[in-house]
Amino acid sequence: MPLPTAKAIEALDSAWPEPRKKLPPRATGLDRYKPVIDEILRADLDAPRKQRHTVTRIFHRLVEEHSADVSYGMVRYYVAARKPEILVDSGKAPLEAFVPQTHQPGHEAEVDFGDVTIRLAGELVTCYLFSFRLSYSGKAVHRPVDRTIGVSSAFAIG
């Protein structure tokens, strides 16, 4: 019986296969026109909003001025990916900010009232809906409230 190879021994170490290697990106017909598109997008940074190039106009310029044999979809996907990058490089992109919200248990809640129409004993009745949501857990309580009795009885209901 032959001895196990090093690869077979490695395969027995883990039940999970190794991740696949990423292939290098393939060359496309658009590659030689990417600098042209980038230049158009950079020129549009200083142009008034109504005078900027649309993807359709960029595509037509490539075909007319450079006799490009590319599809509209290729140009559209490239412009959609490249335009935000050019905005960031120029410093004109809006800054992305994220402010995490922190809530202490039992410290904050949101309360709201609203009219709701329900079918009660076969007839439509308009009543208040009391909504209470705890900010920490997200747990919510919704109770219909009779306008004449008030909120305190809302929690006496089931």
Protein backbone atom coordinates (compact mmCIF):
# COMPACT_ATOMS: atom_id res chain seq x y z
CA MET A 1 0.00 0.00 0.00
CA PRO A 2 1.49 3.37 -1.02
CA LEU A 3 2.22 6.03 1.58
CA PRO A 4 -0.13 9.06 1.61
CA THR A 5 1.17 12.14 -0.13
CA ALA A 6 1.64 15.50 1.59
CA LYS A 7 -1.46 16.83 -0.18
CA ALA A 8 -3.55 13.93 1.12
CA ILE A 9 -2.29 14.52 4.66
CA GLU A 10 -3.20 18.23 4.39
CA ALA A 11 -6.67 17.27 3.13
CA LEU A 12 -7.22 15.16 6.24
CA ASP A 13 -6.33 18.07 8.55
CA SER A 14 -9.51 19.98 7.74
CA ALA A 15 -12.91 19.07 6.40
CA TRP A 16 -13.06 22.41 4.59
CA PRO A 17 -11.27 22.80 1.26
CA GLU A 18 -8.83 25.65 0.78
CA PRO A 19 -10.35 28.77 -0.78
CA ARG A 20 -9.98 29.04 -4.53
CA LYS A 21 -7.30 31.29 -5.92
CA LYS A 22 -8.49 34.50 -7.54
CA LEU A 23 -7.86 34.67 -11.25
CA PRO A 24 -6.33 37.84 -12.66
CA PRO A 25 -8.89 40.03 -14.45
CA ARG A 26 -9.26 39.29 -18.14
CA ALA A 27 -8.45 41.95 -20.69
CA THR A 28 -11.48 43.50 -22.35
CA GLY A 29 -12.03 45.54 -25.46
CA LEU A 30 -12.68 48.54 -23.22
CA ASP A 31 -9.20 48.53 -21.64
CA ARG A 32 -7.58 50.81 -24.20
CA TYR A 33 -10.47 53.32 -23.89
CA LYS A 34 -10.49 53.49 -20.10
CA PRO A 35 -8.05 56.45 -19.99
CA VAL A 36 -10.32 58.31 -22.44
CA ILE A 37 -13.38 57.66 -20.28
CA ASP A 38 -11.47 58.70 -17.15
CA GLU A 39 -10.45 61.97 -18.83
CA ILE A 40 -14.08 62.69 -19.81
CA LEU A 41 -15.21 62.01 -16.23
CA ARG A 42 -12.47 64.25 -14.79
CA ALA A 43 -13.42 67.07 -17.19
CA ASP A 44 -17.03 66.72 -16.04
CA LEU A 45 -16.02 67.51 -12.46
CA ASP A 46 -15.74 71.21 -13.33
CA ALA A 47 -18.65 71.32 -15.81
CA PRO A 48 -22.07 72.63 -14.80
CA ARG A 49 -24.46 69.88 -13.76
CA LYS A 50 -26.58 70.05 -16.93
CA GLN A 51 -23.49 69.90 -19.18
CA ARG A 52 -21.95 66.70 -17.81
CA HIS A 53 -21.68 63.62 -19.96
CA THR A 54 -24.23 60.87 -19.62
CA VAL A 55 -23.16 57.27 -20.14
CA THR A 56 -24.94 57.31 -23.50
CA ARG A 57 -23.01 60.38 -24.60
CA ILE A 58 -19.70 58.85 -23.47
CA PHE A 59 -20.53 55.68 -25.42
CA HIS A 60 -21.38 57.68 -28.58
CA ARG A 61 -18.18 59.72 -28.27
CA LEU A 62 -16.10 56.53 -28.02
CA VAL A 63 -17.74 55.12 -31.14
CA GLU A 64 -17.63 58.36 -33.16
CA GLU A 65 -14.26 59.79 -32.14
CA HIS A 66 -12.26 56.61 -31.48
CA SER A 67 -14.13 54.00 -33.58
CA ALA A 68 -14.43 51.87 -30.46
CA ASP A 69 -15.95 48.42 -30.85
CA VAL A 70 -17.40 48.13 -27.34
CA SER A 71 -20.88 47.53 -26.04
CA TYR A 72 -22.96 50.10 -24.22
CA GLY A 73 -23.22 47.76 -21.21
CA MET A 74 -19.44 47.58 -20.83
CA VAL A 75 -19.22 51.38 -20.83
CA ARG A 76 -22.14 51.69 -18.40
CA TYR A 77 -20.65 49.24 -15.89
CA TYR A 78 -17.22 50.87 -16.09
CA VAL A 79 -18.59 54.40 -15.64
CA ALA A 80 -20.78 53.29 -12.71
CA ALA A 81 -17.75 51.82 -10.95
CA ARG A 82 -15.23 54.50 -11.90
CA LYS A 83 -17.22 57.72 -11.35
CA PRO A 84 -17.33 57.42 -7.52
CA GLU A 85 -13.60 56.63 -7.45
CA ILE A 86 -12.80 59.76 -9.48
CA LEU A 87 -15.02 61.85 -7.17
CA VAL A 88 -13.15 60.53 -4.12
CA ASP A 89 -9.75 61.14 -5.76
CA SER A 90 -10.72 64.74 -6.53
CA GLY A 91 -12.01 65.36 -3.02
CA LYS A 92 -15.51 66.24 -4.23
CA ALA A 93 -17.24 63.13 -2.95
CA PRO A 94 -19.37 63.47 0.15
CA LEU A 95 -17.75 62.07 3.23
CA GLU A 96 -19.32 58.91 4.48
CA ALA A 97 -20.05 59.10 8.16
CA PHE A 98 -21.50 56.52 10.48
CA VAL A 99 -22.54 57.35 14.00
CA PRO A 100 -23.34 54.22 15.99
CA GLN A 101 -26.33 54.53 18.26
CA THR A 102 -26.01 53.23 21.78
CA HIS A 103 -28.97 52.80 24.09
CA GLN A 104 -28.90 51.73 27.72
CA PRO A 105 -31.39 49.05 28.75
CA GLY A 106 -34.58 50.64 30.07
CA HIS A 107 -33.43 54.24 29.56
CA GLU A 108 -35.13 55.18 26.29
CA ALA A 109 -38.40 54.36 24.59
CA GLU A 110 -40.47 55.75 21.74
CA VAL A 111 -44.19 56.29 22.24
CA ASP A 112 -46.75 57.23 19.62
CA PHE A 113 -50.52 57.38 19.15
CA GLY A 114 -52.44 57.07 15.94
CA ASP A 115 -55.95 56.48 14.68
CA VAL A 116 -56.72 52.96 13.52
CA THR A 117 -59.91 51.50 12.14
CA ILE A 118 -60.73 47.99 13.31
CA ARG A 119 -63.66 45.64 12.84
CA LEU A 120 -65.20 45.03 16.27
CA ALA A 121 -68.27 42.80 16.58
CA GLY A 122 -68.90 43.14 12.85
CA GLU A 123 -68.82 46.94 12.63
CA LEU A 124 -65.97 49.36 11.85
CA VAL A 125 -64.76 51.28 14.88
CA THR A 126 -62.09 54.01 14.92
CA CYS A 127 -59.90 53.96 18.00
CA TYR A 128 -56.45 55.06 19.09
CA LEU A 129 -53.46 52.77 18.69
CA PHE A 130 -50.88 53.10 21.43
CA SER A 131 -47.36 52.16 20.21
CA PHE A 132 -44.47 51.71 22.62
CA ARG A 133 -40.99 50.61 21.48
CA LEU A 134 -37.93 50.10 23.68
CA SER A 135 -34.83 51.55 22.02
CA TYR A 136 -32.37 49.01 23.43
CA SER A 137 -34.09 45.75 22.51
CA GLY A 138 -36.46 46.94 19.83
CA LYS A 139 -39.30 45.18 21.66
CA ALA A 140 -42.59 46.82 20.77
CA VAL A 141 -46.06 46.84 22.30
CA HIS A 142 -49.13 47.95 20.34
CA ARG A 143 -52.51 48.25 22.02
CA PRO A 144 -55.81 49.65 20.79
CA VAL A 145 -57.08 52.26 23.25
CA ASP A 146 -60.66 53.35 23.76
CA ARG A 147 -60.79 57.15 23.66
CA THR A 148 -63.15 57.29 26.61
CA ILE A 149 -61.24 54.94 28.97
CA GLY A 150 -57.64 56.04 28.35
CA VAL A 151 -54.17 54.55 28.24
CA SER A 152 -54.01 52.96 31.69
CA SER A 153 -56.62 50.37 30.70
CA ALA A 154 -54.71 49.48 27.54
CA PHE A 155 -52.34 47.28 29.48
CA ALA A 156 -55.15 45.59 31.36
CA ILE A 157 -56.27 44.11 28.03
CA GLY A 158 -54.73 40.63 27.53
